[in-house]
Structures are given as structure tokens and as C-alpha cells.
Amino acid sequence: MANPVFDAVRSVMAIREYQDKPIASDVVSRIVDAGRLTASASNSQAWHFVVIREPETLRALGSLVKTGPYIAKSVLAIVVAYEKASHTAISDCSRAIQSMLLTAWAEGVGSNWTGFGGLEGVRSKVALPDRYEVLAVLPFGYPARPVKGRKKRKPLAEVASAERFGTPLPGGGLFDGSEATRATHQLDRTDSIRSIERRPKKCADHCPRRKAGAAVR
């Protein structure tokens, strides 16, 4: 049976090049609301999301986030901040980020996680109070071209067990570790991503090990 949530998780890719085309307000609202609706420890909701559309501010963010210079070419960005006093807020914001990325993908909008803390310049730029720390900046936009890649993952048996470590799960998963079967991700929207071939994911843009300019999916 088709599962659109699983399909989004299976097919989502990191997008770093965008069309110069605005994202409709109702789509933006759904993306942000996906973050708001995400569960948090003790329902603390110790986060704040700043939605950026002004080109000048987007360009500034592109220069402030070392792993995200392409923010400058996006049409929308969301600054994700958490309350410093919360010891679970980083985990909670990470969950909210994934909710927003998947919701955007289901709308045909691409994105990627950039930065990972230490973004004091971003906090100051968007006038967040001192009690907040910026965790990440998420640029958004319709992909500049059809996205093709290859998503390499370990086999399910290497990362999951049944009852005790090393006992294979029944069924073994839908795909083998190489994801050799090339999946097609199609959305019933004009700006959907029509075809996706998966490629390896080495280190995301918020990873300190990632070298500038490296292609990652």
C-alpha cells in the first residue's frame, strides 16, 4: 500500500540550487507549521522560527553561514533557534527541521540543513533575543533543474535487529543497502521533481567535516 510519508523520507534529497521563483504563502505556512506541530520534550516547544524572504537578508545569511553560501540564491530561508536554557531543545529543533524539510519536499520545494550552532552573527542579524541560540538556517526554493542522485545506505540488517543485536528483522526491508533500484519521486504539482536517481550521502552541510563545495545528497 502506498505510503506518502515513507515515500518522502525515501526520496528527499539535498537541494542547493534554486529557481528564482517565489513560494506561495500557503506553502510557506505549511512548512513553518510543520515545525510548530512537531513534538518536543515535555511539550516545551523551546524554539523559534524566523522566516526570511527579503533578498538582502538572504544574501547576508549566505555570507554568515560558512556551509550555506547558496542561501543567498534561495527565495526563502528559515532560521531555526532554540532557548539556551532547555537541555532538550537541540534534539527538539532537529526533529522540527526534518518535519519542515519533508513537508517542503512533498510540495516540490527543495532545501537543505546549513550550519550547526555558533551562528551568533545570524542571531544578531534577525534580532533574536540573547536567550536564543541559532541551530541552523534552512534555505528553500524550487530546484533549478531535475534532480538526479544516488542514495547509498547500509543494508537494514547492519543497522537494525529484532529483539537482540544481530537478529535480522523479518522481511529485511524494502530495498537493499545499495538502493540499486532507482526510484522515481513524482508529485502532482507543476514544480515537482520528476525523476530522482539516488547517490551517496557522505556528510551534510551542517557537518563540520564537510568541505566547501563538496557534492552531498
Foldseek 3Di string as FASTA:
>chain_A
DDDLLVLLVVFADAFLAFDPDDDDPVLVVQLQVLLVPQAFVVSPSQKDKDKDQDLVLQCVVLVLFPLRVSSSVFRIKIWIKGFPVDPGGVVSNVRSVVSSQSSCQLVQKHKFWTAAWPRVVNCVSRVPDPRITTGTMIGMHQHPDQEEAAAAAAFPQVPDADPDNNHADPPRDDAGRRNVPFDFDDHPDPSHRGGYHHHYADDGSRDPPDDHPDDGD
